[in-house]
Amino acid sequence: MDITDELIDRFGDPPEAVKGLIDVSLLRNTAASLGIKEISQRADSLMLYPETVDMEKASLLAATLKGRVMLNAGAKPYLTVKVGKGEKPLDILRLALSVMAGESTSAKK
Protein backbone atom coordinates (compact mmCIF):
# COMPACT_ATOMS: atom_id res chain seq x y z
CA MET A 1 0.00 0.00 0.00
CA ASP A 2 2.96 2.31 0.65
CA ILE A 3 4.10 1.89 -2.96
CA THR A 4 0.64 2.74 -4.26
CA ASP A 5 0.43 5.80 -2.02
CA GLU A 6 3.88 6.93 -3.17
CA LEU A 7 2.93 6.51 -6.83
CA ILE A 8 -0.26 8.50 -6.34
CA ASP A 9 1.63 11.27 -4.52
CA ARG A 10 4.18 11.58 -7.34
CA PHE A 11 2.19 10.80 -10.48
CA GLY A 12 -1.52 10.78 -9.66
CA ASP A 13 -3.69 7.70 -10.05
CA PRO A 14 -1.63 4.88 -11.58
CA PRO A 15 -2.91 3.18 -14.75
CA GLU A 16 -4.71 -0.16 -14.44
CA ALA A 17 -1.61 -2.00 -15.71
CA VAL A 18 0.46 -0.62 -12.83
CA LYS A 19 -2.27 -1.48 -10.33
CA GLY A 20 -2.28 -5.01 -11.77
CA LEU A 21 1.48 -5.35 -11.33
CA ILE A 22 1.24 -4.21 -7.72
CA ASP A 23 -1.62 -6.64 -7.10
CA VAL A 24 0.34 -9.55 -8.59
CA SER A 25 3.39 -8.62 -6.51
CA LEU A 26 1.34 -8.61 -3.31
CA LEU A 27 -0.18 -12.00 -4.17
CA ARG A 28 3.25 -13.47 -4.93
CA ASN A 29 4.54 -12.20 -1.60
CA THR A 30 1.57 -13.73 0.22
CA ALA A 31 2.08 -17.03 -1.62
CA ALA A 32 5.78 -17.08 -0.72
CA SER A 33 4.96 -16.49 2.95
CA LEU A 34 2.68 -19.58 2.76
CA GLY A 35 5.49 -21.70 1.29
CA ILE A 36 4.18 -21.67 -2.27
CA LYS A 37 7.17 -21.52 -4.59
CA GLU A 38 5.39 -21.41 -7.94
CA ILE A 39 1.99 -20.46 -9.36
CA SER A 40 0.85 -21.13 -12.90
CA GLN A 41 -2.38 -21.22 -14.86
CA ARG A 42 -3.48 -23.90 -17.30
CA ALA A 43 -6.79 -23.35 -19.06
CA ASP A 44 -9.35 -22.89 -16.27
CA SER A 45 -7.12 -24.02 -13.39
CA LEU A 46 -4.57 -22.41 -11.11
CA MET A 47 -1.66 -24.61 -10.08
CA LEU A 48 -0.08 -23.89 -6.69
CA TYR A 49 3.27 -25.61 -6.05
CA PRO A 50 4.15 -25.62 -2.32
CA GLU A 51 7.59 -26.40 -0.90
CA THR A 52 5.87 -29.05 1.22
CA VAL A 53 2.22 -30.00 1.25
CA ASP A 54 0.44 -28.81 4.38
CA MET A 55 -2.55 -31.15 4.54
CA GLU A 56 -4.37 -28.92 7.01
CA LYS A 57 -4.22 -25.96 4.60
CA ALA A 58 -5.10 -28.16 1.62
CA SER A 59 -8.10 -29.60 3.50
CA LEU A 60 -9.30 -26.16 4.53
CA LEU A 61 -9.02 -24.95 0.95
CA ALA A 62 -10.89 -28.00 -0.37
CA ALA A 63 -13.64 -27.54 2.22
CA THR A 64 -14.04 -23.86 1.36
CA LEU A 65 -13.96 -24.27 -2.42
CA LYS A 66 -16.06 -27.43 -2.55
CA GLY A 67 -15.39 -29.53 -5.63
CA ARG A 68 -12.87 -27.07 -7.07
CA VAL A 69 -9.61 -28.21 -5.43
CA MET A 70 -7.47 -31.24 -6.19
CA LEU A 71 -4.15 -32.31 -4.73
CA ASN A 72 -1.56 -34.06 -6.86
CA ALA A 73 0.98 -35.67 -4.55
CA GLY A 74 3.44 -36.80 -7.25
CA ALA A 75 7.15 -36.05 -7.48
CA LYS A 76 6.37 -32.31 -7.69
CA PRO A 77 3.20 -31.93 -5.59
CA TYR A 78 0.69 -29.22 -6.40
CA LEU A 79 -2.82 -28.03 -5.67
CA THR A 80 -5.19 -27.33 -8.55
CA VAL A 81 -7.89 -24.71 -8.03
CA LYS A 82 -10.58 -24.46 -10.72
CA VAL A 83 -11.55 -20.99 -11.92
CA GLY A 84 -15.25 -20.78 -12.67
CA LYS A 85 -16.70 -19.31 -15.83
CA GLY A 86 -16.74 -15.53 -15.57
CA GLU A 87 -14.40 -15.46 -12.58
CA LYS A 88 -11.07 -13.66 -12.62
CA PRO A 89 -8.08 -15.90 -11.86
CA LEU A 90 -6.50 -13.26 -9.61
CA ASP A 91 -9.69 -13.05 -7.53
CA ILE A 92 -9.72 -16.84 -7.07
CA LEU A 93 -6.00 -16.83 -6.25
CA ARG A 94 -6.58 -14.10 -3.67
CA LEU A 95 -9.41 -16.14 -2.13
CA ALA A 96 -7.36 -19.36 -2.10
CA LEU A 97 -4.37 -17.67 -0.47
CA SER A 98 -6.52 -15.98 2.16
CA VAL A 99 -8.14 -19.34 3.02
CA MET A 100 -4.73 -21.02 3.25
CA ALA A 101 -3.51 -18.17 5.47
CA GLY A 102 -6.39 -18.88 7.84
CA GLU A 103 -8.15 -15.60 7.20
CA SER A 104 -11.91 -15.68 7.44
CA THR A 105 -13.56 -15.05 4.11
CA SER A 106 -17.02 -13.64 3.66
CA ALA A 107 -16.98 -14.53 -0.05
CA LYS A 108 -16.63 -18.30 0.24
CA LYS A 109 -17.40 -20.04 -3.03
C-alpha atoms as a PDB file:
ATOM      1  CA  MET A   1       0.000   0.000   0.000  1.00  0.00           C
ATOM      2  CA  ASP A   2       2.961   2.311   0.646  1.00  0.00           C
ATOM      3  CA  ILE A   3       4.100   1.891  -2.957  1.00  0.00           C
ATOM      4  CA  THR A   4       0.645   2.736  -4.264  1.00  0.00           C
ATOM      5  CA  ASP A   5       0.434   5.802  -2.021  1.00  0.00           C
ATOM      6  CA  GLU A   6       3.877   6.931  -3.168  1.00  0.00           C
ATOM      7  CA  LEU A   7       2.928   6.510  -6.830  1.00  0.00           C
ATOM      8  CA  ILE A   8      -0.263   8.500  -6.336  1.00  0.00           C
ATOM      9  CA  ASP A   9       1.630  11.272  -4.521  1.00  0.00           C
ATOM     10  CA  ARG A  10       4.178  11.576  -7.339  1.00  0.00           C
ATOM     11  CA  PHE A  11       2.192  10.799 -10.480  1.00  0.00           C
ATOM     12  CA  GLY A  12      -1.517  10.780  -9.664  1.00  0.00           C
ATOM     13  CA  ASP A  13      -3.685   7.703 -10.052  1.00  0.00           C
ATOM     14  CA  PRO A  14      -1.635   4.882 -11.579  1.00  0.00           C
ATOM     15  CA  PRO A  15      -2.912   3.183 -14.747  1.00  0.00           C
ATOM     16  CA  GLU A  16      -4.710  -0.163 -14.438  1.00  0.00           C
ATOM     17  CA  ALA A  17      -1.606  -2.004 -15.714  1.00  0.00           C
ATOM     18  CA  VAL A  18       0.459  -0.623 -12.828  1.00  0.00           C
ATOM     19  CA  LYS A  19      -2.272  -1.482 -10.333  1.00  0.00           C
ATOM     20  CA  GLY A  20      -2.280  -5.011 -11.767  1.00  0.00           C
ATOM     21  CA  LEU A  21       1.481  -5.354 -11.334  1.00  0.00           C
ATOM     22  CA  ILE A  22       1.243  -4.209  -7.721  1.00  0.00           C
ATOM     23  CA  ASP A  23      -1.624  -6.643  -7.098  1.00  0.00           C
ATOM     24  CA  VAL A  24       0.337  -9.552  -8.593  1.00  0.00           C
ATOM     25  CA  SER A  25       3.393  -8.624  -6.508  1.00  0.00           C
ATOM     26  CA  LEU A  26       1.338  -8.606  -3.312  1.00  0.00           C
ATOM     27  CA  LEU A  27      -0.185 -12.000  -4.167  1.00  0.00           C
ATOM     28  CA  ARG A  28       3.246 -13.473  -4.933  1.00  0.00           C
ATOM     29  CA  ASN A  29       4.541 -12.196  -1.600  1.00  0.00           C
ATOM     30  CA  THR A  30       1.572 -13.734   0.219  1.00  0.00           C
ATOM     31  CA  ALA A  31       2.084 -17.029  -1.616  1.00  0.00           C
ATOM     32  CA  ALA A  32       5.783 -17.078  -0.723  1.00  0.00           C
ATOM     33  CA  SER A  33       4.958 -16.488   2.947  1.00  0.00           C
ATOM     34  CA  LEU A  34       2.685 -19.580   2.758  1.00  0.00           C
ATOM     35  CA  GLY A  35       5.494 -21.698   1.289  1.00  0.00           C
ATOM     36  CA  ILE A  36       4.181 -21.669  -2.271  1.00  0.00           C
ATOM     37  CA  LYS A  37       7.173 -21.517  -4.588  1.00  0.00           C
ATOM     38  CA  GLU A  38       5.393 -21.412  -7.941  1.00  0.00           C
ATOM     39  CA  ILE A  39       1.990 -20.464  -9.357  1.00  0.00           C
ATOM     40  CA  SER A  40       0.853 -21.126 -12.905  1.00  0.00           C
ATOM     41  CA  GLN A  41      -2.380 -21.216 -14.861  1.00  0.00           C
ATOM     42  CA  ARG A  42      -3.480 -23.897 -17.300  1.00  0.00           C
ATOM     43  CA  ALA A  43      -6.789 -23.351 -19.057  1.00  0.00           C
ATOM     44  CA  ASP A  44      -9.354 -22.887 -16.266  1.00  0.00           C
ATOM     45  CA  SER A  45      -7.117 -24.021 -13.392  1.00  0.00           C
ATOM     46  CA  LEU A  46      -4.571 -22.406 -11.110  1.00  0.00           C
ATOM     47  CA  MET A  47      -1.665 -24.614 -10.084  1.00  0.00           C
ATOM     48  CA  LEU A  48      -0.078 -23.895  -6.690  1.00  0.00           C
ATOM     49  CA  TYR A  49       3.272 -25.612  -6.048  1.00  0.00           C
ATOM     50  CA  PRO A  50       4.145 -25.618  -2.323  1.00  0.00           C
ATOM     51  CA  GLU A  51       7.587 -26.402  -0.901  1.00  0.00           C
ATOM     52  CA  THR A  52       5.874 -29.046   1.216  1.00  0.00           C
ATOM     53  CA  VAL A  53       2.216 -30.001   1.252  1.00  0.00           C
ATOM     54  CA  ASP A  54       0.438 -28.809   4.379  1.00  0.00           C
ATOM     55  CA  MET A  55      -2.550 -31.148   4.542  1.00  0.00           C
ATOM     56  CA  GLU A  56      -4.371 -28.916   7.008  1.00  0.00           C
ATOM     57  CA  LYS A  57      -4.225 -25.955   4.602  1.00  0.00           C
ATOM     58  CA  ALA A  58      -5.101 -28.159   1.623  1.00  0.00           C
ATOM     59  CA  SER A  59      -8.096 -29.597   3.499  1.00  0.00           C
ATOM     60  CA  LEU A  60      -9.304 -26.162   4.532  1.00  0.00           C
ATOM     61  CA  LEU A  61      -9.015 -24.948   0.949  1.00  0.00           C
ATOM     62  CA  ALA A  62     -10.887 -27.997  -0.374  1.00  0.00           C
ATOM     63  CA  ALA A  63     -13.639 -27.541   2.224  1.00  0.00           C
ATOM     64  CA  THR A  64     -14.037 -23.862   1.359  1.00  0.00           C
ATOM     65  CA  LEU A  65     -13.962 -24.274  -2.417  1.00  0.00           C
ATOM     66  CA  LYS A  66     -16.060 -27.429  -2.550  1.00  0.00           C
ATOM     67  CA  GLY A  67     -15.387 -29.526  -5.634  1.00  0.00           C
ATOM     68  CA  ARG A  68     -12.867 -27.073  -7.071  1.00  0.00           C
ATOM     69  CA  VAL A  69      -9.609 -28.207  -5.429  1.00  0.00           C
ATOM     70  CA  MET A  70      -7.466 -31.238  -6.194  1.00  0.00           C
ATOM     71  CA  LEU A  71      -4.147 -32.307  -4.725  1.00  0.00           C
ATOM     72  CA  ASN A  72      -1.562 -34.061  -6.858  1.00  0.00           C
ATOM     73  CA  ALA A  73       0.982 -35.669  -4.551  1.00  0.00           C
ATOM     74  CA  GLY A  74       3.436 -36.801  -7.253  1.00  0.00           C
ATOM     75  CA  ALA A  75       7.147 -36.051  -7.478  1.00  0.00           C
ATOM     76  CA  LYS A  76       6.369 -32.307  -7.693  1.00  0.00           C
ATOM     77  CA  PRO A  77       3.196 -31.931  -5.588  1.00  0.00           C
ATOM     78  CA  TYR A  78       0.693 -29.217  -6.401  1.00  0.00           C
ATOM     79  CA  LEU A  79      -2.819 -28.030  -5.670  1.00  0.00           C
ATOM     80  CA  THR A  80      -5.187 -27.329  -8.547  1.00  0.00           C
ATOM     81  CA  VAL A  81      -7.888 -24.711  -8.031  1.00  0.00           C
ATOM     82  CA  LYS A  82     -10.578 -24.457 -10.724  1.00  0.00           C
ATOM     83  CA  VAL A  83     -11.547 -20.989 -11.918  1.00  0.00           C
ATOM     84  CA  GLY A  84     -15.245 -20.785 -12.667  1.00  0.00           C
ATOM     85  CA  LYS A  85     -16.697 -19.311 -15.825  1.00  0.00           C
ATOM     86  CA  GLY A  86     -16.740 -15.530 -15.571  1.00  0.00           C
ATOM     87  CA  GLU A  87     -14.396 -15.464 -12.578  1.00  0.00           C
ATOM     88  CA  LYS A  88     -11.069 -13.658 -12.620  1.00  0.00           C
ATOM     89  CA  PRO A  89      -8.080 -15.898 -11.859  1.00  0.00           C
ATOM     90  CA  LEU A  90      -6.504 -13.257  -9.605  1.00  0.00           C
ATOM     91  CA  ASP A  91      -9.689 -13.055  -7.531  1.00  0.00           C
ATOM     92  CA  ILE A  92      -9.720 -16.840  -7.067  1.00  0.00           C
ATOM     93  CA  LEU A  93      -6.005 -16.835  -6.249  1.00  0.00           C
ATOM     94  CA  ARG A  94      -6.576 -14.101  -3.673  1.00  0.00           C
ATOM     95  CA  LEU A  95      -9.407 -16.138  -2.131  1.00  0.00           C
ATOM     96  CA  ALA A  96      -7.356 -19.357  -2.103  1.00  0.00           C
ATOM     97  CA  LEU A  97      -4.367 -17.671  -0.471  1.00  0.00           C
ATOM     98  CA  SER A  98      -6.521 -15.981   2.163  1.00  0.00           C
ATOM     99  CA  VAL A  99      -8.139 -19.336   3.024  1.00  0.00           C
ATOM    100  CA  MET A 100      -4.729 -21.017   3.251  1.00  0.00           C
ATOM    101  CA  ALA A 101      -3.508 -18.169   5.473  1.00  0.00           C
ATOM    102  CA  GLY A 102      -6.391 -18.884   7.842  1.00  0.00           C
ATOM    103  CA  GLU A 103      -8.152 -15.598   7.203  1.00  0.00           C
ATOM    104  CA  SER A 104     -11.911 -15.683   7.436  1.00  0.00           C
ATOM    105  CA  THR A 105     -13.563 -15.047   4.106  1.00  0.00           C
ATOM    106  CA  SER A 106     -17.019 -13.637   3.661  1.00  0.00           C
ATOM    107  CA  ALA A 107     -16.985 -14.529  -0.053  1.00  0.00           C
ATOM    108  CA  LYS A 108     -16.628 -18.295   0.240  1.00  0.00           C
ATOM    109  CA  LYS A 109     -17.396 -20.041  -3.035  1.00  0.00           C
END
